[in-house]
N, C-alpha and C. Protein backbone atom coordinates (compact mmCIF):
# COMPACT_ATOMS: atom_id res chain seq x y z
N MET A 1 91.45 118.54 95.14
CA MET A 1 90.97 117.70 96.22
C MET A 1 91.57 118.21 97.53
N THR A 2 90.78 118.31 98.56
CA THR A 2 91.26 118.83 99.84
C THR A 2 91.78 117.71 100.71
N THR A 3 92.47 118.09 101.79
CA THR A 3 92.97 117.09 102.73
C THR A 3 91.82 116.28 103.29
N THR A 4 90.70 116.92 103.59
CA THR A 4 89.53 116.21 104.09
C THR A 4 89.07 115.16 103.10
N ASP A 5 89.06 115.50 101.81
CA ASP A 5 88.68 114.53 100.78
C ASP A 5 89.64 113.34 100.78
N LEU A 6 90.93 113.61 100.95
CA LEU A 6 91.91 112.53 100.93
C LEU A 6 91.71 111.55 102.07
N THR A 7 91.27 112.01 103.21
CA THR A 7 91.07 111.11 104.35
C THR A 7 89.88 110.18 104.12
N ALA A 8 89.01 110.51 103.19
CA ALA A 8 87.86 109.67 102.88
C ALA A 8 88.20 108.55 101.91
N LEU A 9 89.40 108.60 101.33
CA LEU A 9 89.80 107.59 100.35
C LEU A 9 90.36 106.35 101.02
N THR A 10 90.08 105.19 100.43
CA THR A 10 90.75 103.98 100.89
C THR A 10 92.23 104.10 100.55
N GLY A 11 93.05 103.23 101.12
CA GLY A 11 94.47 103.25 100.80
C GLY A 11 94.73 103.04 99.32
N LEU A 12 93.98 102.15 98.69
CA LEU A 12 94.14 101.90 97.26
C LEU A 12 93.76 103.13 96.46
N GLU A 13 92.66 103.78 96.81
CA GLU A 13 92.24 104.99 96.12
C GLU A 13 93.27 106.11 96.29
N LEU A 14 93.83 106.23 97.49
CA LEU A 14 94.83 107.27 97.75
C LEU A 14 96.10 107.02 96.94
N MET A 15 96.57 105.79 96.89
CA MET A 15 97.78 105.48 96.12
C MET A 15 97.54 105.70 94.62
N ARG A 16 96.35 105.37 94.13
CA ARG A 16 96.03 105.65 92.72
C ARG A 16 95.97 107.15 92.48
N TRP A 17 95.48 107.92 93.45
CA TRP A 17 95.45 109.38 93.33
C TRP A 17 96.88 109.92 93.24
N PHE A 18 97.77 109.39 94.10
CA PHE A 18 99.17 109.82 94.07
C PHE A 18 99.79 109.52 92.71
N LYS A 19 99.45 108.39 92.13
CA LYS A 19 100.02 108.00 90.83
C LYS A 19 99.58 108.94 89.72
N THR A 20 98.30 109.34 89.73
CA THR A 20 97.77 110.08 88.59
C THR A 20 97.56 111.58 88.80
N GLU A 21 97.27 112.00 90.03
CA GLU A 21 96.87 113.39 90.24
C GLU A 21 97.71 114.18 91.23
N HIS A 22 98.55 113.51 92.00
CA HIS A 22 99.33 114.17 93.04
C HIS A 22 100.19 115.27 92.43
N PRO A 23 100.08 116.49 92.91
CA PRO A 23 100.90 117.58 92.36
C PRO A 23 102.39 117.30 92.51
N ALA A 24 103.12 117.40 91.41
CA ALA A 24 104.54 117.06 91.39
C ALA A 24 105.38 117.97 92.29
N ASP A 25 104.88 119.16 92.60
CA ASP A 25 105.67 120.09 93.41
C ASP A 25 105.37 119.98 94.91
N THR A 26 104.52 119.04 95.31
CA THR A 26 104.21 118.84 96.73
C THR A 26 105.42 118.19 97.41
N PRO A 27 105.92 118.77 98.50
CA PRO A 27 107.08 118.19 99.19
C PRO A 27 106.81 116.75 99.63
N SER A 28 107.74 115.86 99.31
CA SER A 28 107.64 114.46 99.71
C SER A 28 108.98 113.79 99.44
N ILE A 29 109.19 112.63 100.03
CA ILE A 29 110.41 111.87 99.76
C ILE A 29 110.43 111.44 98.30
N GLY A 30 109.27 111.14 97.74
CA GLY A 30 109.19 110.76 96.33
C GLY A 30 109.67 111.87 95.42
N ARG A 31 109.26 113.10 95.72
CA ARG A 31 109.71 114.24 94.92
C ARG A 31 111.21 114.43 95.07
N LEU A 32 111.70 114.33 96.30
CA LEU A 32 113.13 114.53 96.56
C LEU A 32 113.98 113.56 95.73
N LEU A 33 113.53 112.30 95.63
CA LEU A 33 114.30 111.29 94.91
C LEU A 33 113.90 111.16 93.44
N GLY A 34 112.82 111.82 93.04
CA GLY A 34 112.35 111.68 91.66
C GLY A 34 111.62 110.37 91.43
N MET A 35 110.96 109.86 92.46
CA MET A 35 110.26 108.59 92.40
C MET A 35 108.93 108.73 91.64
N ARG A 36 108.63 107.72 90.83
CA ARG A 36 107.36 107.65 90.11
C ARG A 36 106.62 106.38 90.50
N PHE A 37 105.32 106.48 90.68
CA PHE A 37 104.49 105.29 90.87
C PHE A 37 104.14 104.78 89.47
N ASP A 38 104.57 103.57 89.15
CA ASP A 38 104.33 103.00 87.83
C ASP A 38 103.09 102.11 87.79
N GLU A 39 102.87 101.34 88.85
CA GLU A 39 101.72 100.44 88.93
C GLU A 39 101.20 100.45 90.36
N VAL A 40 99.88 100.50 90.49
CA VAL A 40 99.23 100.47 91.80
C VAL A 40 98.07 99.49 91.72
N GLU A 41 98.14 98.45 92.52
CA GLU A 41 97.08 97.45 92.62
C GLU A 41 96.85 97.15 94.09
N HIS A 42 95.78 96.45 94.38
CA HIS A 42 95.53 96.03 95.74
C HIS A 42 96.65 95.07 96.17
N GLY A 43 97.42 95.47 97.19
CA GLY A 43 98.49 94.63 97.72
C GLY A 43 99.79 94.66 96.95
N ARG A 44 99.90 95.54 95.96
CA ARG A 44 101.12 95.58 95.14
C ARG A 44 101.34 97.00 94.61
N LEU A 45 102.62 97.44 94.65
CA LEU A 45 102.97 98.74 94.12
C LEU A 45 104.35 98.67 93.48
N VAL A 46 104.47 99.28 92.30
CA VAL A 46 105.75 99.36 91.59
C VAL A 46 106.10 100.83 91.43
N ALA A 47 107.33 101.18 91.77
CA ALA A 47 107.81 102.55 91.62
C ALA A 47 109.21 102.51 91.02
N SER A 48 109.60 103.62 90.41
CA SER A 48 110.93 103.69 89.81
C SER A 48 111.52 105.08 90.00
N LEU A 49 112.83 105.15 89.79
CA LEU A 49 113.53 106.43 89.82
C LEU A 49 114.76 106.33 88.94
N GLN A 50 115.28 107.48 88.57
CA GLN A 50 116.52 107.56 87.80
C GLN A 50 117.65 107.87 88.77
N THR A 51 118.72 107.11 88.71
CA THR A 51 119.86 107.41 89.57
C THR A 51 120.54 108.68 89.08
N ARG A 52 121.28 109.31 89.98
CA ARG A 52 122.01 110.54 89.63
C ARG A 52 123.21 110.67 90.55
N PRO A 53 124.16 111.51 90.18
CA PRO A 53 125.38 111.66 90.99
C PRO A 53 125.11 112.05 92.45
N ASP A 54 124.01 112.77 92.70
CA ASP A 54 123.67 113.13 94.09
C ASP A 54 123.43 111.92 94.98
N PHE A 55 123.18 110.76 94.39
CA PHE A 55 122.90 109.54 95.15
C PHE A 55 124.18 108.79 95.55
N ALA A 56 125.34 109.32 95.21
CA ALA A 56 126.59 108.59 95.40
C ALA A 56 127.00 108.45 96.86
N ASN A 57 127.56 107.29 97.16
CA ASN A 57 128.24 107.06 98.43
C ASN A 57 129.72 107.41 98.22
N PRO A 58 130.57 107.29 99.23
CA PRO A 58 131.99 107.63 99.05
C PRO A 58 132.71 106.78 97.99
N LEU A 59 132.16 105.62 97.64
CA LEU A 59 132.78 104.77 96.62
C LEU A 59 132.32 105.13 95.21
N GLY A 60 131.33 106.03 95.11
CA GLY A 60 130.87 106.47 93.79
C GLY A 60 129.71 105.70 93.22
N THR A 61 129.17 104.75 93.98
CA THR A 61 127.97 104.03 93.54
C THR A 61 126.77 104.55 94.33
N VAL A 62 125.57 104.09 93.97
CA VAL A 62 124.37 104.56 94.65
C VAL A 62 124.40 104.14 96.12
N HIS A 63 124.18 105.09 97.01
CA HIS A 63 124.14 104.84 98.45
C HIS A 63 123.02 103.85 98.76
N GLY A 64 123.30 102.93 99.67
CA GLY A 64 122.31 101.93 100.05
C GLY A 64 121.02 102.51 100.60
N GLY A 65 121.10 103.71 101.15
CA GLY A 65 119.90 104.35 101.68
C GLY A 65 118.89 104.68 100.60
N ILE A 66 119.34 104.86 99.36
CA ILE A 66 118.42 105.12 98.25
C ILE A 66 117.59 103.87 98.00
N ALA A 67 118.25 102.71 97.91
CA ALA A 67 117.52 101.45 97.72
C ALA A 67 116.62 101.17 98.91
N ALA A 68 117.10 101.42 100.12
CA ALA A 68 116.29 101.19 101.32
C ALA A 68 115.05 102.09 101.32
N THR A 69 115.22 103.34 100.94
CA THR A 69 114.08 104.26 100.89
C THR A 69 113.08 103.83 99.83
N LEU A 70 113.58 103.43 98.67
CA LEU A 70 112.70 102.94 97.60
C LEU A 70 111.94 101.70 98.08
N LEU A 71 112.63 100.79 98.73
CA LEU A 71 111.97 99.58 99.25
C LEU A 71 110.96 99.91 100.34
N ASP A 72 111.34 100.76 101.29
CA ASP A 72 110.42 101.16 102.36
C ASP A 72 109.16 101.78 101.75
N SER A 73 109.33 102.57 100.71
CA SER A 73 108.20 103.24 100.07
C SER A 73 107.27 102.25 99.38
N VAL A 74 107.82 101.37 98.55
CA VAL A 74 106.94 100.46 97.80
C VAL A 74 106.27 99.43 98.71
N MET A 75 106.98 98.96 99.72
CA MET A 75 106.37 97.98 100.62
C MET A 75 105.30 98.64 101.49
N GLY A 76 105.61 99.81 102.05
CA GLY A 76 104.63 100.51 102.88
C GLY A 76 103.41 100.93 102.07
N CYS A 77 103.64 101.45 100.87
CA CYS A 77 102.51 101.87 100.04
C CYS A 77 101.69 100.67 99.58
N ALA A 78 102.34 99.52 99.35
CA ALA A 78 101.59 98.30 99.02
C ALA A 78 100.69 97.92 100.19
N VAL A 79 101.21 98.02 101.41
CA VAL A 79 100.39 97.77 102.60
C VAL A 79 99.22 98.75 102.63
N HIS A 80 99.51 100.01 102.35
CA HIS A 80 98.46 101.04 102.39
C HIS A 80 97.32 100.71 101.43
N THR A 81 97.62 100.09 100.29
CA THR A 81 96.57 99.74 99.32
C THR A 81 95.56 98.75 99.88
N THR A 82 95.90 98.08 100.97
CA THR A 82 94.99 97.09 101.56
C THR A 82 94.16 97.65 102.71
N LEU A 83 94.37 98.92 103.05
CA LEU A 83 93.74 99.50 104.23
C LEU A 83 92.49 100.31 103.87
N PRO A 84 91.49 100.29 104.76
CA PRO A 84 90.29 101.10 104.52
C PRO A 84 90.56 102.59 104.75
N ALA A 85 89.61 103.41 104.35
CA ALA A 85 89.72 104.86 104.53
C ALA A 85 89.94 105.19 106.00
N GLY A 86 90.81 106.15 106.25
CA GLY A 86 91.06 106.62 107.60
C GLY A 86 92.06 105.79 108.39
N VAL A 87 92.49 104.66 107.84
CA VAL A 87 93.45 103.80 108.54
C VAL A 87 94.82 104.01 107.89
N GLY A 88 95.85 104.20 108.71
CA GLY A 88 97.19 104.43 108.21
C GLY A 88 98.14 103.33 108.65
N TYR A 89 99.41 103.59 108.49
CA TYR A 89 100.44 102.61 108.86
C TYR A 89 101.75 103.35 109.12
N THR A 90 102.65 102.69 109.77
CA THR A 90 104.03 103.17 109.89
C THR A 90 104.94 101.96 109.92
N THR A 91 106.15 102.13 109.46
CA THR A 91 107.11 101.03 109.43
C THR A 91 107.60 100.73 110.84
N LEU A 92 107.47 99.47 111.25
CA LEU A 92 108.02 99.00 112.53
C LEU A 92 109.41 98.42 112.34
N GLU A 93 109.61 97.73 111.23
CA GLU A 93 110.88 97.03 111.00
C GLU A 93 111.12 96.97 109.51
N LEU A 94 112.39 97.12 109.13
CA LEU A 94 112.80 97.06 107.74
C LEU A 94 114.10 96.27 107.68
N LYS A 95 114.13 95.21 106.88
CA LYS A 95 115.33 94.38 106.72
C LYS A 95 115.69 94.38 105.25
N VAL A 96 116.86 94.92 104.93
CA VAL A 96 117.30 95.03 103.54
C VAL A 96 118.54 94.16 103.31
N ASN A 97 118.54 93.42 102.22
CA ASN A 97 119.70 92.66 101.77
C ASN A 97 120.18 93.28 100.46
N TYR A 98 121.44 93.70 100.43
CA TYR A 98 122.02 94.30 99.24
C TYR A 98 122.74 93.23 98.44
N ILE A 99 122.48 93.20 97.14
CA ILE A 99 123.04 92.17 96.28
C ILE A 99 124.20 92.70 95.44
N ARG A 100 123.99 93.86 94.82
CA ARG A 100 125.03 94.45 93.97
C ARG A 100 124.87 95.96 93.96
N ALA A 101 125.94 96.64 93.56
CA ALA A 101 125.93 98.11 93.50
C ALA A 101 125.14 98.58 92.28
N ALA A 102 124.54 99.74 92.44
CA ALA A 102 123.90 100.43 91.31
C ALA A 102 124.75 101.65 90.98
N HIS A 103 124.70 102.05 89.73
CA HIS A 103 125.52 103.18 89.28
C HIS A 103 124.71 104.47 89.26
N THR A 104 125.42 105.58 89.36
CA THR A 104 124.79 106.89 89.47
C THR A 104 124.63 107.58 88.12
N ASP A 105 124.67 106.82 87.06
CA ASP A 105 124.71 107.38 85.70
C ASP A 105 123.34 107.54 85.03
N GLY A 106 122.28 107.67 85.80
CA GLY A 106 120.96 107.90 85.22
C GLY A 106 120.20 106.65 84.87
N GLN A 107 120.66 105.52 85.36
CA GLN A 107 119.92 104.29 85.09
C GLN A 107 118.63 104.26 85.89
N THR A 108 117.66 103.50 85.41
CA THR A 108 116.38 103.36 86.09
C THR A 108 116.46 102.21 87.10
N LEU A 109 116.09 102.51 88.33
CA LEU A 109 115.90 101.47 89.34
C LEU A 109 114.40 101.31 89.52
N THR A 110 113.94 100.06 89.49
CA THR A 110 112.51 99.76 89.64
C THR A 110 112.33 98.87 90.85
N ALA A 111 111.38 99.24 91.69
CA ALA A 111 111.11 98.46 92.91
C ALA A 111 109.66 98.00 92.91
N GLU A 112 109.46 96.78 93.39
CA GLU A 112 108.12 96.23 93.54
C GLU A 112 107.91 95.81 94.98
N GLY A 113 106.81 96.26 95.56
CA GLY A 113 106.43 95.86 96.91
C GLY A 113 105.16 95.03 96.85
N THR A 114 105.14 93.94 97.59
CA THR A 114 103.99 93.03 97.60
C THR A 114 103.63 92.69 99.04
N VAL A 115 102.37 92.80 99.36
CA VAL A 115 101.89 92.47 100.71
C VAL A 115 101.89 90.96 100.91
N ILE A 116 102.38 90.55 102.04
CA ILE A 116 102.32 89.15 102.44
C ILE A 116 101.10 88.92 103.32
N HIS A 117 100.87 89.85 104.28
CA HIS A 117 99.75 89.69 105.22
C HIS A 117 99.36 91.07 105.76
N THR A 118 98.05 91.31 105.81
CA THR A 118 97.55 92.49 106.50
C THR A 118 96.58 92.02 107.58
N GLY A 119 96.91 92.35 108.82
CA GLY A 119 96.04 92.02 109.94
C GLY A 119 95.48 93.28 110.56
N ARG A 120 94.82 93.15 111.69
CA ARG A 120 94.24 94.31 112.35
C ARG A 120 95.30 95.25 112.91
N SER A 121 96.40 94.70 113.43
CA SER A 121 97.40 95.56 114.06
C SER A 121 98.75 95.61 113.35
N THR A 122 99.06 94.61 112.55
CA THR A 122 100.32 94.62 111.81
C THR A 122 100.11 94.11 110.38
N ALA A 123 101.05 94.46 109.53
CA ALA A 123 101.07 93.97 108.15
C ALA A 123 102.51 93.68 107.78
N THR A 124 102.71 92.73 106.88
CA THR A 124 104.05 92.41 106.40
C THR A 124 104.06 92.48 104.88
N ALA A 125 105.23 92.80 104.34
CA ALA A 125 105.39 92.89 102.89
C ALA A 125 106.83 92.56 102.52
N GLU A 126 107.03 92.29 101.24
CA GLU A 126 108.37 92.05 100.71
C GLU A 126 108.57 92.93 99.49
N GLY A 127 109.84 93.20 99.19
CA GLY A 127 110.13 94.06 98.05
C GLY A 127 111.45 93.71 97.40
N LYS A 128 111.57 94.11 96.13
CA LYS A 128 112.79 93.89 95.36
C LYS A 128 113.07 95.13 94.53
N VAL A 129 114.36 95.45 94.36
CA VAL A 129 114.79 96.54 93.48
C VAL A 129 115.65 95.92 92.38
N PHE A 130 115.34 96.30 91.13
CA PHE A 130 116.07 95.83 89.96
C PHE A 130 116.65 97.02 89.20
N ASP A 131 117.79 96.79 88.54
CA ASP A 131 118.31 97.82 87.64
C ASP A 131 117.64 97.65 86.28
N GLU A 132 118.01 98.49 85.32
CA GLU A 132 117.31 98.46 84.04
C GLU A 132 117.67 97.25 83.19
N ARG A 133 118.66 96.48 83.60
CA ARG A 133 118.99 95.22 82.92
C ARG A 133 118.27 94.03 83.56
N GLY A 134 117.46 94.32 84.60
CA GLY A 134 116.74 93.26 85.29
C GLY A 134 117.55 92.58 86.37
N LYS A 135 118.72 93.13 86.70
CA LYS A 135 119.56 92.55 87.74
C LYS A 135 119.06 92.99 89.12
N LEU A 136 118.99 92.05 90.04
CA LEU A 136 118.55 92.34 91.40
C LEU A 136 119.60 93.18 92.11
N ILE A 137 119.19 94.32 92.64
CA ILE A 137 120.06 95.22 93.39
C ILE A 137 119.93 94.96 94.88
N ALA A 138 118.69 94.80 95.36
CA ALA A 138 118.43 94.57 96.79
C ALA A 138 117.04 93.97 96.95
N HIS A 139 116.85 93.29 98.07
CA HIS A 139 115.51 92.79 98.42
C HIS A 139 115.30 93.01 99.91
N ALA A 140 114.03 93.04 100.32
CA ALA A 140 113.74 93.42 101.70
C ALA A 140 112.41 92.84 102.17
N THR A 141 112.25 92.90 103.48
CA THR A 141 110.95 92.62 104.11
C THR A 141 110.66 93.75 105.09
N THR A 142 109.39 93.91 105.40
CA THR A 142 108.99 94.92 106.38
C THR A 142 107.85 94.41 107.23
N THR A 143 107.75 94.96 108.41
CA THR A 143 106.58 94.82 109.26
C THR A 143 106.08 96.25 109.52
N CYS A 144 104.81 96.44 109.30
CA CYS A 144 104.19 97.76 109.50
C CYS A 144 103.16 97.68 110.63
N LEU A 145 103.07 98.74 111.41
CA LEU A 145 102.03 98.90 112.41
C LEU A 145 100.83 99.53 111.73
N VAL A 146 99.67 98.92 111.86
CA VAL A 146 98.44 99.47 111.29
C VAL A 146 97.85 100.43 112.32
N LEU A 147 97.59 101.66 111.86
CA LEU A 147 97.14 102.75 112.75
C LEU A 147 95.66 103.06 112.53
N HIS A 148 94.85 102.71 113.51
CA HIS A 148 93.41 102.98 113.46
C HIS A 148 93.12 104.32 114.12
N PRO A 149 92.12 105.04 113.62
CA PRO A 149 91.79 106.34 114.23
C PRO A 149 91.28 106.19 115.67
């Protein structure tokens, strides 16, 4: 599929394409972190990653930026699933609350982003990150700017 073809896809179609057909070697933040799209629906996206020692902060636990990036990704991509073809978005605001530390020992972190509202110029969403025991690691909200061509 060419870049031109991708611009003809709705946000939901594009996110589903990323989940099933996106080349794994294409440079992206998802590739850098080893992120996988697990579920893609209209207004909702679930992604996961395996923690690793490279994610460590000076205290030896997963750096908060990993959770923030995972949350920014699932919330923004959830917003994208609600947008028509040719319309994009960018994060205007991100508010993250950290609940507990995650370990760098290869555990799975799973994040879910859910759209609260999509309007003509802005959209809002919420997200949560859980460890593999189902414990809440962090939760967040975002406001996105909707970008029309």
